[in-house]
PDB file of N, CA and C in Angstrom:
ATOM      1  N   MET A   1      -9.674 -13.314  -1.530  1.00  0.00           N
ATOM      2  CA  MET A   1      -8.493 -13.877  -1.730  1.00  0.00           C
ATOM      3  C   MET A   1      -7.876 -14.637  -0.539  1.00  0.00           C
ATOM      4  N   GLU A   2      -7.000 -15.468  -1.019  1.00  0.00           N
ATOM      5  CA  GLU A   2      -6.403 -16.490   0.406  1.00  0.00           C
ATOM      6  C   GLU A   2      -5.448 -16.100   1.464  1.00  0.00           C
ATOM      7  N   THR A   3      -5.585 -16.366   2.820  1.00  0.00           N
ATOM      8  CA  THR A   3      -4.670 -16.273   3.365  1.00  0.00           C
ATOM      9  C   THR A   3      -3.230 -16.267   2.987  1.00  0.00           C
ATOM     10  N   GLY A   4      -2.258 -15.048   2.975  1.00  0.00           N
ATOM     11  CA  GLY A   4      -0.883 -15.141   2.700  1.00  0.00           C
ATOM     12  C   GLY A   4      -1.551 -14.128   1.540  1.00  0.00           C
ATOM     13  N   THR A   5      -1.935 -13.925   1.047  1.00  0.00           N
ATOM     14  CA  THR A   5      -2.269 -12.939  -0.322  1.00  0.00           C
ATOM     15  C   THR A   5      -1.504 -11.683  -0.039  1.00  0.00           C
ATOM     16  N   GLN A   6      -0.543 -11.786  -0.888  1.00  0.00           N
ATOM     17  CA  GLN A   6       0.199 -10.200  -0.801  1.00  0.00           C
ATOM     18  C   GLN A   6      -0.784  -9.160  -1.678  1.00  0.00           C
ATOM     19  N   VAL A   7      -1.100  -7.796  -1.248  1.00  0.00           N
ATOM     20  CA  VAL A   7      -2.085  -6.897  -1.949  1.00  0.00           C
ATOM     21  C   VAL A   7      -1.059  -5.774  -1.623  1.00  0.00           C
ATOM     22  N   THR A   8      -0.484  -4.874  -2.931  1.00  0.00           N
ATOM     23  CA  THR A   8       0.235  -3.953  -2.605  1.00  0.00           C
ATOM     24  C   THR A   8      -0.640  -2.953  -3.457  1.00  0.00           C
ATOM     25  N   LEU A   9      -0.620  -1.312  -2.469  1.00  0.00           N
ATOM     26  CA  LEU A   9      -1.162  -0.213  -3.228  1.00  0.00           C
ATOM     27  C   LEU A   9      -0.154   0.607  -3.444  1.00  0.00           C
ATOM     28  N   SER A  10       0.034   1.156  -4.503  1.00  0.00           N
ATOM     29  CA  SER A  10       0.995   2.306  -4.711  1.00  0.00           C
ATOM     30  C   SER A  10       0.156   3.455  -5.618  1.00  0.00           C
ATOM     31  N   TRP A  11       1.144   4.552  -5.259  1.00  0.00           N
ATOM     32  CA  TRP A  11       0.503   5.860  -5.728  1.00  0.00           C
ATOM     33  C   TRP A  11       1.941   6.815  -6.080  1.00  0.00           C
ATOM     34  N   ILE A  12       1.462   7.965  -6.505  1.00  0.00           N
ATOM     35  CA  ILE A  12       2.371   9.143  -6.591  1.00  0.00           C
ATOM     36  C   ILE A  12       2.163  10.109  -5.505  1.00  0.00           C
ATOM     37  N   HIS A  13       3.114  10.074  -4.354  1.00  0.00           N
ATOM     38  CA  HIS A  13       2.684  10.844  -3.464  1.00  0.00           C
ATOM     39  C   HIS A  13       2.486  12.796  -4.240  1.00  0.00           C
ATOM     40  N   SER A  14       1.500  13.100  -3.504  1.00  0.00           N
ATOM     41  CA  SER A  14       1.146  14.517  -4.252  1.00  0.00           C
ATOM     42  C   SER A  14       2.523  15.626  -3.832  1.00  0.00           C
ATOM     43  N   ILE A  15       3.237  15.435  -2.431  1.00  0.00           N
ATOM     44  CA  ILE A  15       4.142  16.333  -2.023  1.00  0.00           C
ATOM     45  C   ILE A  15       5.456  15.779  -2.889  1.00  0.00           C
ATOM     46  N   GLU A  16       5.881  14.740  -2.650  1.00  0.00           N
ATOM     47  CA  GLU A  16       7.017  14.357  -2.902  1.00  0.00           C
ATOM     48  C   GLU A  16       7.444  13.742  -4.549  1.00  0.00           C
ATOM     49  N   LEU A  17       6.340  13.833  -5.009  1.00  0.00           N
ATOM     50  CA  LEU A  17       6.216  13.519  -6.522  1.00  0.00           C
ATOM     51  C   LEU A  17       6.912  12.207  -6.980  1.00  0.00           C
ATOM     52  N   SER A  18       6.810  11.147  -6.050  1.00  0.00           N
ATOM     53  CA  SER A  18       7.737   9.837  -6.085  1.00  0.00           C
ATOM     54  C   SER A  18       6.536   8.666  -5.945  1.00  0.00           C
ATOM     55  N   ARG A  19       6.819   7.889  -6.150  1.00  0.00           N
ATOM     56  CA  ARG A  19       5.808   6.527  -5.914  1.00  0.00           C
ATOM     57  C   ARG A  19       6.231   6.330  -4.492  1.00  0.00           C
ATOM     58  N   TRP A  20       5.255   5.689  -3.880  1.00  0.00           N
ATOM     59  CA  TRP A  20       4.620   4.861  -2.473  1.00  0.00           C
ATOM     60  C   TRP A  20       4.238   3.981  -2.965  1.00  0.00           C
ATOM     61  N   SER A  21       4.605   2.971  -1.971  1.00  0.00           N
ATOM     62  CA  SER A  21       3.675   1.683  -1.644  1.00  0.00           C
ATOM     63  C   SER A  21       4.166   1.364  -0.484  1.00  0.00           C
ATOM     64  N   GLU A  22       2.598   0.215  -0.361  1.00  0.00           N
ATOM     65  CA  GLU A  22       2.326  -0.463   1.025  1.00  0.00           C
ATOM     66  C   GLU A  22       1.926  -1.798   0.546  1.00  0.00           C
ATOM     67  N   THR A  23       2.445  -2.788   1.061  1.00  0.00           N
ATOM     68  CA  THR A  23       2.365  -4.164   1.018  1.00  0.00           C
ATOM     69  C   THR A  23       1.638  -4.425   2.066  1.00  0.00           C
ATOM     70  N   TYR A  24       0.433  -5.278   2.295  1.00  0.00           N
ATOM     71  CA  TYR A  24      -0.672  -5.937   3.460  1.00  0.00           C
ATOM     72  C   TYR A  24      -0.630  -7.212   2.944  1.00  0.00           C
ATOM     73  N   LEU A  25      -0.244  -8.107   3.863  1.00  0.00           N
ATOM     74  CA  LEU A  25      -0.921  -9.498   4.099  1.00  0.00           C
ATOM     75  C   LEU A  25      -2.064  -9.755   4.359  1.00  0.00           C
ATOM     76  N   VAL A  26      -3.003 -10.703   3.525  1.00  0.00           N
ATOM     77  CA  VAL A  26      -4.287 -10.821   3.766  1.00  0.00           C
ATOM     78  C   VAL A  26      -4.446 -12.073   4.936  1.00  0.00           C
ATOM     79  N   GLN A  27      -5.502 -11.829   5.771  1.00  0.00           N
ATOM     80  CA  GLN A  27      -5.593 -12.571   7.121  1.00  0.00           C
ATOM     81  C   GLN A  27      -7.229 -12.876   6.608  1.00  0.00           C
ATOM     82  N   PRO A  28      -7.175 -13.992   7.235  1.00  0.00           N
ATOM     83  CA  PRO A  28      -8.568 -14.192   7.538  1.00  0.00           C
ATOM     84  C   PRO A  28      -9.664 -13.349   8.062  1.00  0.00           C
ATOM     85  N   ASP A  29      -9.288 -12.538   8.927  1.00  0.00           N
ATOM     86  CA  ASP A  29      -9.878 -11.292   9.673  1.00  0.00           C
ATOM     87  C   ASP A  29      -9.512  -9.962   9.659  1.00  0.00           C
ATOM     88  N   ARG A  30      -8.198  -9.524   8.893  1.00  0.00           N
ATOM     89  CA  ARG A  30      -7.402  -8.366   8.787  1.00  0.00           C
ATOM     90  C   ARG A  30      -7.005  -8.116   7.570  1.00  0.00           C
ATOM     91  N   LEU A  31      -6.448  -7.071   7.115  1.00  0.00           N
ATOM     92  CA  LEU A  31      -5.286  -6.948   6.543  1.00  0.00           C
ATOM     93  C   LEU A  31      -4.290  -6.523   7.561  1.00  0.00           C
ATOM     94  N   VAL A  32      -2.706  -6.963   7.421  1.00  0.00           N
ATOM     95  CA  VAL A  32      -1.985  -6.429   8.124  1.00  0.00           C
ATOM     96  C   VAL A  32      -0.636  -5.832   7.029  1.00  0.00           C
ATOM     97  N   LEU A  33      -0.351  -4.603   7.675  1.00  0.00           N
ATOM     98  CA  LEU A  33       0.600  -4.046   6.827  1.00  0.00           C
ATOM     99  C   LEU A  33       2.049  -4.432   7.289  1.00  0.00           C
ATOM    100  N   SER A  34       2.610  -5.059   5.798  1.00  0.00           N
ATOM    101  CA  SER A  34       3.913  -5.739   5.928  1.00  0.00           C
ATOM    102  C   SER A  34       5.184  -4.618   5.844  1.00  0.00           C
ATOM    103  N   SER A  35       4.886  -3.973   5.146  1.00  0.00           N
ATOM    104  CA  SER A  35       6.302  -3.309   4.637  1.00  0.00           C
ATOM    105  C   SER A  35       5.400  -1.785   3.767  1.00  0.00           C
ATOM    106  N   THR A  36       6.689  -1.097   3.240  1.00  0.00           N
ATOM    107  CA  THR A  36       6.139   0.058   2.861  1.00  0.00           C
ATOM    108  C   THR A  36       7.721   0.606   2.151  1.00  0.00           C
ATOM    109  N   GLU A  37       7.390   1.282   1.077  1.00  0.00           N
ATOM    110  CA  GLU A  37       8.888   1.445   0.299  1.00  0.00           C
ATOM    111  C   GLU A  37       8.358   2.909  -0.309  1.00  0.00           C
ATOM    112  N   PHE A  38       9.701   3.984  -0.238  1.00  0.00           N
ATOM    113  CA  PHE A  38       9.312   5.662  -0.640  1.00  0.00           C
ATOM    114  C   PHE A  38      10.605   6.161  -0.660  1.00  0.00           C
ATOM    115  N   PHE A  39      10.440   7.042  -1.708  1.00  0.00           N
ATOM    116  CA  PHE A  39      12.065   7.684  -1.887  1.00  0.00           C
ATOM    117  C   PHE A  39      12.627   8.940  -1.301  1.00  0.00           C
ATOM    118  N   GLU A  40      11.447   9.231  -0.032  1.00  0.00           N
ATOM    119  CA  GLU A  40      11.972  10.493   0.387  1.00  0.00           C
ATOM    120  C   GLU A  40      11.389  10.471   2.235  1.00  0.00           C
ATOM    121  N   TYR A  41      11.779  10.634   3.171  1.00  0.00           N
ATOM    122  CA  TYR A  41      11.690  10.492   4.597  1.00  0.00           C
ATOM    123  C   TYR A  41      10.930  11.631   5.276  1.00  0.00           C
ATOM    124  N   GLY A  42       9.979  12.004   5.302  1.00  0.00           N
ATOM    125  CA  GLY A  42       9.872  13.408   5.851  1.00  0.00           C
ATOM    126  C   GLY A  42       8.711  13.226   7.322  1.00  0.00           C
ATOM    127  N   ALA A  43       7.999  14.573   7.586  1.00  0.00           N
ATOM    128  CA  ALA A  43       6.788  14.477   8.771  1.00  0.00           C
ATOM    129  C   ALA A  43       5.914  13.473   8.883  1.00  0.00           C
ATOM    130  N   GLY A  44       5.796  12.778   9.448  1.00  0.00           N
ATOM    131  CA  GLY A  44       4.325  12.257   9.643  1.00  0.00           C
ATOM    132  C   GLY A  44       4.797  10.552   8.830  1.00  0.00           C
ATOM    133  N   MET A  45       6.197  10.262   8.556  1.00  0.00           N
ATOM    134  CA  MET A  45       6.174   8.803   8.025  1.00  0.00           C
ATOM    135  C   MET A  45       6.782   8.300   9.400  1.00  0.00           C
ATOM    136  N   PRO A  46       6.338   6.868   9.101  1.00  0.00           N
ATOM    137  CA  PRO A  46       6.519   5.953  10.222  1.00  0.00           C
ATOM    138  C   PRO A  46       8.018   6.172  10.574  1.00  0.00           C
ATOM    139  N   LEU A  47       8.487   6.085  12.163  1.00  0.00           N
ATOM    140  CA  LEU A  47       9.813   6.200  12.581  1.00  0.00           C
ATOM    141  C   LEU A  47      10.408   5.200  13.544  1.00  0.00           C
ATOM    142  N   ASP A  48       9.063   4.405  14.170  1.00  0.00           N
ATOM    143  CA  ASP A  48       9.573   3.571  15.326  1.00  0.00           C
ATOM    144  C   ASP A  48       9.181   2.341  15.189  1.00  0.00           C
ATOM    145  N   GLU A  49       8.826   1.717  14.024  1.00  0.00           N
ATOM    146  CA  GLU A  49       8.565   0.338  13.963  1.00  0.00           C
ATOM    147  C   GLU A  49       9.263  -0.401  12.706  1.00  0.00           C
ATOM    148  N   GLY A  50       9.212  -1.597  12.827  1.00  0.00           N
ATOM    149  CA  GLY A  50       9.753  -2.719  11.594  1.00  0.00           C
ATOM    150  C   GLY A  50      11.097  -1.965  11.577  1.00  0.00           C
ATOM    151  N   ASP A  51      11.637  -2.746   9.928  1.00  0.00           N
ATOM    152  CA  ASP A  51      13.251  -2.776  10.312  1.00  0.00           C
ATOM    153  C   ASP A  51      13.399  -1.786   9.074  1.00  0.00           C
ATOM    154  N   VAL A  52      13.967  -0.682   9.277  1.00  0.00           N
ATOM    155  CA  VAL A  52      14.671   0.342   8.114  1.00  0.00           C
ATOM    156  C   VAL A  52      15.894   0.440   7.370  1.00  0.00           C
ATOM    157  N   HIS A  53      15.748  -0.162   6.063  1.00  0.00           N
ATOM    158  CA  HIS A  53      16.840  -0.211   5.089  1.00  0.00           C
ATOM    159  C   HIS A  53      16.763   0.415   3.637  1.00  0.00           C
ATOM    160  N   LEU A  54      17.813   0.705   2.954  1.00  0.00           N
ATOM    161  CA  LEU A  54      17.897   1.422   1.726  1.00  0.00           C
ATOM    162  C   LEU A  54      17.952   0.014   0.609  1.00  0.00           C
ATOM    163  N   ARG A  55      16.759  -0.046  -0.406  1.00  0.00           N
ATOM    164  CA  ARG A  55      17.073  -0.985  -1.218  1.00  0.00           C
ATOM    165  C   ARG A  55      16.929   0.559  -2.734  1.00  0.00           C
ATOM    166  N   ASP A  56      17.597  -0.272  -3.662  1.00  0.00           N
ATOM    167  CA  ASP A  56      17.512   0.439  -4.895  1.00  0.00           C
ATOM    168  C   ASP A  56      17.224   1.953  -4.786  1.00  0.00           C
ATOM    169  N   GLY A  57      17.872   2.816  -3.878  1.00  0.00           N
ATOM    170  CA  GLY A  57      17.360   4.076  -3.770  1.00  0.00           C
ATOM    171  C   GLY A  57      16.198   4.247  -3.163  1.00  0.00           C
ATOM    172  N   LYS A  58      15.555   3.530  -2.555  1.00  0.00           N
ATOM    173  CA  LYS A  58      14.606   3.650  -1.805  1.00  0.00           C
ATOM    174  C   LYS A  58      14.553   3.186  -0.145  1.00  0.00           C
ATOM    175  N   ILE A  59      13.800   4.072   0.674  1.00  0.00           N
ATOM    176  CA  ILE A  59      14.004   3.598   1.729  1.00  0.00           C
ATOM    177  C   ILE A  59      12.641   2.702   1.844  1.00  0.00           C
ATOM    178  N   VAL A  60      12.838   1.552   2.721  1.00  0.00           N
ATOM    179  CA  VAL A  60      12.084   0.321   2.871  1.00  0.00           C
ATOM    180  C   VAL A  60      11.901   0.190   4.552  1.00  0.00           C
ATOM    181  N   ILE A  61      10.610  -0.019   4.873  1.00  0.00           N
ATOM    182  CA  ILE A  61      10.497  -0.298   6.174  1.00  0.00           C
ATOM    183  C   ILE A  61       9.918  -1.705   5.917  1.00  0.00           C
ATOM    184  N   GLU A  62      10.152  -2.751   7.039  1.00  0.00           N
ATOM    185  CA  GLU A  62       9.774  -4.347   6.700  1.00  0.00           C
ATOM    186  C   GLU A  62       9.747  -4.564   7.700  1.00  0.00           C
ATOM    187  N   ASN A  63       8.482  -5.450   8.330  1.00  0.00           N
ATOM    188  CA  ASN A  63       8.192  -6.007   9.575  1.00  0.00           C
ATOM    189  C   ASN A  63       7.320  -5.150  10.374  1.00  0.00           C
ATOM    190  N   ILE A  64       6.510  -4.577   9.657  1.00  0.00           N
ATOM    191  CA  ILE A  64       5.586  -3.351  10.377  1.00  0.00           C
ATOM    192  C   ILE A  64       4.741  -4.251  11.085  1.00  0.00           C
ATOM    193  N   ASN A  65       4.041  -4.951  10.338  1.00  0.00           N
ATOM    194  CA  ASN A  65       2.990  -5.973  11.572  1.00  0.00           C
ATOM    195  C   ASN A  65       1.972  -5.054  11.735  1.00  0.00           C
ATOM    196  N   ARG A  66       1.532  -3.969  11.315  1.00  0.00           N
ATOM    197  CA  ARG A  66       0.078  -2.864  11.997  1.00  0.00           C
ATOM    198  C   ARG A  66      -1.443  -3.470  11.330  1.00  0.00           C
ATOM    199  N   ASN A  67      -2.293  -4.305  12.184  1.00  0.00           N
ATOM    200  CA  ASN A  67      -3.285  -4.627  11.853  1.00  0.00           C
ATOM    201  C   ASN A  67      -4.308  -3.685  11.400  1.00  0.00           C
ATOM    202  N   PHE A  68      -5.487  -3.944  10.204  1.00  0.00           N
ATOM    203  CA  PHE A  68      -6.199  -3.096   9.596  1.00  0.00           C
ATOM    204  C   PHE A  68      -7.739  -3.988   9.738  1.00  0.00           C
ATOM    205  N   ASP A  69      -8.436  -3.596   9.647  1.00  0.00           N
ATOM    206  CA  ASP A  69     -10.130  -3.810   9.345  1.00  0.00           C
ATOM    207  C   ASP A  69     -10.220  -3.688   8.025  1.00  0.00           C
ATOM    208  N   ALA A  70      -9.775  -2.407   7.445  1.00  0.00           N
ATOM    209  CA  ALA A  70      -9.671  -1.801   6.136  1.00  0.00           C
ATOM    210  C   ALA A  70      -9.051  -1.042   5.619  1.00  0.00           C
ATOM    211  N   ILE A  71      -8.979  -0.846   4.159  1.00  0.00           N
ATOM    212  CA  ILE A  71      -8.187   0.218   3.997  1.00  0.00           C
ATOM    213  C   ILE A  71      -8.831   0.791   3.174  1.00  0.00           C
ATOM    214  N   ARG A  72      -8.898   2.242   3.356  1.00  0.00           N
ATOM    215  CA  ARG A  72      -9.252   3.282   2.656  1.00  0.00           C
ATOM    216  C   ARG A  72      -8.898   4.399   2.212  1.00  0.00           C
ATOM    217  N   TRP A  73      -9.169   4.648   0.991  1.00  0.00           N
ATOM    218  CA  TRP A  73      -8.029   5.938   0.411  1.00  0.00           C
ATOM    219  C   TRP A  73      -9.237   6.381  -0.336  1.00  0.00           C
ATOM    220  N   PHE A  74      -8.880   7.381  -0.714  1.00  0.00           N
ATOM    221  CA  PHE A  74      -9.526   8.598  -2.062  1.00  0.00           C
ATOM    222  C   PHE A  74      -8.749   8.311  -2.927  1.00  0.00           C
ATOM    223  N   HIS A  75      -9.594   7.728  -4.041  1.00  0.00           N
ATOM    224  CA  HIS A  75      -9.087   7.493  -5.116  1.00  0.00           C
ATOM    225  C   HIS A  75      -8.842   8.756  -6.198  1.00  0.00           C
ATOM    226  N   SER A  76      -7.776   8.349  -6.897  1.00  0.00           N
ATOM    227  CA  SER A  76      -7.829   9.549  -7.992  1.00  0.00           C
ATOM    228  C   SER A  76      -6.809   8.927  -9.249  1.00  0.00           C
ATOM    229  N   HIS A  77      -7.146   9.273 -10.302  1.00  0.00           N
ATOM    230  CA  HIS A  77      -6.603   8.623 -11.265  1.00  0.00           C
ATOM    231  C   HIS A  77      -5.098   9.805 -11.603  1.00  0.00           C
ATOM    232  N   ARG A  78      -5.057  10.690 -11.335  1.00  0.00           N
ATOM    233  CA  ARG A  78      -3.914  11.786 -11.289  1.00  0.00           C
ATOM    234  C   ARG A  78      -2.871  11.524 -10.081  1.00  0.00           C
ATOM    235  N   ALA A  79      -3.096  10.174  -9.295  1.00  0.00           N
ATOM    236  CA  ALA A  79      -2.135  10.024  -8.468  1.00  0.00           C
ATOM    237  C   ALA A  79      -1.496   8.618  -8.954  1.00  0.00           C
ATOM    238  N   ASP A  80      -1.991   7.930 -10.229  1.00  0.00           N
ATOM    239  CA  ASP A  80      -1.565   6.838 -10.930  1.00  0.00           C
ATOM    240  C   ASP A  80      -1.286   5.757  -9.658  1.00  0.00           C
ATOM    241  N   TYR A  81      -2.897   5.495  -9.000  1.00  0.00           N
ATOM    242  CA  TYR A  81      -2.630   4.288  -8.275  1.00  0.00           C
ATOM    243  C   TYR A  81      -2.403   2.926  -8.995  1.00  0.00           C
ATOM    244  N   ARG A  82      -1.669   2.103  -8.254  1.00  0.00           N
ATOM    245  CA  ARG A  82      -1.536   0.644  -8.893  1.00  0.00           C
ATOM    246  C   ARG A  82      -1.937  -0.012  -7.515  1.00  0.00           C
ATOM    247  N   ILE A  83      -2.632  -1.074  -8.103  1.00  0.00           N
ATOM    248  CA  ILE A  83      -2.912  -2.141  -6.883  1.00  0.00           C
ATOM    249  C   ILE A  83      -2.329  -3.590  -7.693  1.00  0.00           C
ATOM    250  N   SER A  84      -1.323  -4.216  -6.986  1.00  0.00           N
ATOM    251  CA  SER A  84      -0.939  -5.659  -7.416  1.00  0.00           C
ATOM    252  C   SER A  84      -1.469  -6.693  -6.192  1.00  0.00           C
ATOM    253  N   ILE A  85      -1.536  -7.536  -6.865  1.00  0.00           N
ATOM    254  CA  ILE A  85      -1.762  -9.001  -6.229  1.00  0.00           C
ATOM    255  C   ILE A  85      -0.749 -10.085  -6.271  1.00  0.00           C
ATOM    256  N   ASN A  86       0.255 -10.460  -5.511  1.00  0.00           N
ATOM    257  CA  ASN A  86       1.024 -11.164  -5.050  1.00  0.00           C
ATOM    258  C   ASN A  86       2.062 -10.799  -5.939  1.00  0.00           C
ATOM    259  N   ASP A  87       2.228  -9.042  -6.488  1.00  0.00           N
ATOM    260  CA  ASP A  87       3.060  -8.589  -7.229  1.00  0.00           C
ATOM    261  C   ASP A  87       2.692  -8.784  -8.674  1.00  0.00           C
ATOM    262  N   ASP A  88       1.620  -9.093  -9.122  1.00  0.00           N
ATOM    263  CA  ASP A  88       0.895  -9.107 -10.401  1.00  0.00           C
ATOM    264  C   ASP A  88      -0.011  -7.851 -10.752  1.00  0.00           C
ATOM    265  N   PRO A  89       0.524  -7.056 -11.412  1.00  0.00           N
ATOM    266  CA  PRO A  89      -0.515  -5.470 -11.452  1.00  0.00           C
ATOM    267  C   PRO A  89      -1.521  -5.786 -12.746  1.00  0.00           C
ATOM    268  N   SER A  90      -1.788  -6.934 -13.440  1.00  0.00           N
ATOM    269  CA  SER A  90      -2.280  -6.694 -14.039  1.00  0.00           C
ATOM    270  C   SER A  90      -3.688  -7.387 -13.470  1.00  0.00           C
ATOM    271  N   LEU A  91      -3.926  -7.695 -12.738  1.00  0.00           N
ATOM    272  CA  LEU A  91      -4.968  -8.411 -12.051  1.00  0.00           C
ATOM    273  C   LEU A  91      -6.332  -7.088 -12.049  1.00  0.00           C
ATOM    274  N   ILE A  92      -5.961  -6.053 -11.762  1.00  0.00           N
ATOM    275  CA  ILE A  92      -6.360  -5.158 -10.908  1.00  0.00           C
ATOM    276  C   ILE A  92      -6.271  -4.062 -12.132  1.00  0.00           C
ATOM    277  N   ASP A  93      -6.880  -3.339 -12.731  1.00  0.00           N
ATOM    278  CA  ASP A  93      -6.638  -1.785 -13.240  1.00  0.00           C
ATOM    279  C   ASP A  93      -7.173  -1.012 -12.640  1.00  0.00           C
ATOM    280  N   ALA A  94      -6.342  -0.114 -12.000  1.00  0.00           N
ATOM    281  CA  ALA A  94      -6.977   0.978 -11.093  1.00  0.00           C
ATOM    282  C   ALA A  94      -7.585   1.861 -11.828  1.00  0.00           C
ATOM    283  N   SER A  95      -7.055   2.020 -13.214  1.00  0.00           N
ATOM    284  CA  SER A  95      -7.624   3.382 -13.765  1.00  0.00           C
ATOM    285  C   SER A  95      -9.281   2.935 -14.320  1.00  0.00           C
ATOM    286  N   GLU A  96      -9.737   1.760 -13.749  1.00  0.00           N
ATOM    287  CA  GLU A  96     -11.214   1.270 -14.131  1.00  0.00           C
ATOM    288  C   GLU A  96     -12.056   1.844 -13.073  1.00  0.00           C
ATOM    289  N   LEU A  97     -11.529   2.075 -11.562  1.00  0.00           N
ATOM    290  CA  LEU A  97     -12.272   2.353 -10.462  1.00  0.00           C
ATOM    291  C   LEU A  97     -12.289   3.908 -10.693  1.00  0.00           C
ATOM    292  N   PRO A  98     -13.541   4.053  -9.636  1.00  0.00           N
ATOM    293  CA  PRO A  98     -13.844   5.514  -9.710  1.00  0.00           C
ATOM    294  C   PRO A  98     -13.318   6.543  -9.446  1.00  0.00           C
ATOM    295  N   ASP A  99     -12.730   7.819 -10.147  1.00  0.00           N
ATOM    296  CA  ASP A  99     -12.229   8.886 -10.000  1.00  0.00           C
ATOM    297  C   ASP A  99     -12.685   9.677  -9.186  1.00  0.00           C
ATOM    298  N   ARG A 100     -11.766  10.223  -8.101  1.00  0.00           N
ATOM    299  CA  ARG A 100     -12.241  11.113  -6.911  1.00  0.00           C
ATOM    300  C   ARG A 100     -13.256  10.288  -6.040  1.00  0.00           C
ATOM    301  N   GLU A 101     -13.213   8.991  -5.769  1.00  0.00           N
ATOM    302  CA  GLU A 101     -14.202   8.567  -4.926  1.00  0.00           C
ATOM    303  C   GLU A 101     -13.366   7.586  -3.516  1.00  0.00           C
ATOM    304  N   PRO A 102     -14.392   7.674  -2.508  1.00  0.00           N
ATOM    305  CA  PRO A 102     -13.379   7.245  -1.730  1.00  0.00           C
ATOM    306  C   PRO A 102     -13.770   5.453  -1.534  1.00  0.00           C
ATOM    307  N   LEU A 103     -12.561   5.102  -1.124  1.00  0.00           N
ATOM    308  CA  LEU A 103     -12.688   3.099  -1.678  1.00  0.00           C
ATOM    309  C   LEU A 103     -12.321   2.574  -0.248  1.00  0.00           C
ATOM    310  N   THR A 104     -12.793   1.470  -0.425  1.00  0.00           N
ATOM    311  CA  THR A 104     -12.237   0.428   0.943  1.00  0.00           C
ATOM    312  C   THR A 104     -12.029  -0.731   0.507  1.00  0.00           C
ATOM    313  N   LEU A 105     -11.094  -1.441   1.066  1.00  0.00           N
ATOM    314  CA  LEU A 105     -10.738  -2.822   0.831  1.00  0.00           C
ATOM    315  C   LEU A 105     -10.964  -3.225   2.158  1.00  0.00           C
ATOM    316  N   SER A 106     -11.549  -4.210   2.206  1.00  0.00           N
ATOM    317  CA  SER A 106     -11.792  -4.786   3.486  1.00  0.00           C
ATOM    318  C   SER A 106     -12.053  -6.320   3.480  1.00  0.00           C
ATOM    319  N   MET A 107     -12.223  -7.198   4.372  1.00  0.00           N
ATOM    320  CA  MET A 107     -11.986  -8.691   4.423  1.00  0.00           C
ATOM    321  C   MET A 107     -13.394  -8.769   4.742  1.00  0.00           C
ATOM    322  N   ARG A 108     -14.310  -9.968   4.420  1.00  0.00           N
ATOM    323  CA  ARG A 108     -15.584 -10.121   4.558  1.00  0.00           C
ATOM    324  C   ARG A 108     -15.597 -11.666   5.504  1.00  0.00           C
ATOM    325  N   ASN A 109     -16.575 -11.538   6.098  1.00  0.00           N
ATOM    326  CA  ASN A 109     -16.174 -12.373   7.143  1.00  0.00           C
ATOM    327  C   ASN A 109     -17.349 -13.839   6.576  1.00  0.00           C
TER     328      ASN A 109
END
């Protein structure tokens, strides 16, 4: 992916049972968490970073700018994971990724 590409990973939260989304910007040597969206705010949620507002009934935190070498998650088909590239969910079919397996998205040098 090119620098500036947006990668959005979303899933159904196991406790809230609503969709949670995180959007990352691709940089040459890292992924930058730029925003997150969810319906309910609770323990363990980001509190002191970015700009928080409501949009279409969701809590949106933008301008987070947290750097990651990789994004790691335990993939589950039951969580209805979705992966979008520049807002296009058709490029990666998350249902074809291994079920109940740890996955990593990282930048290669």
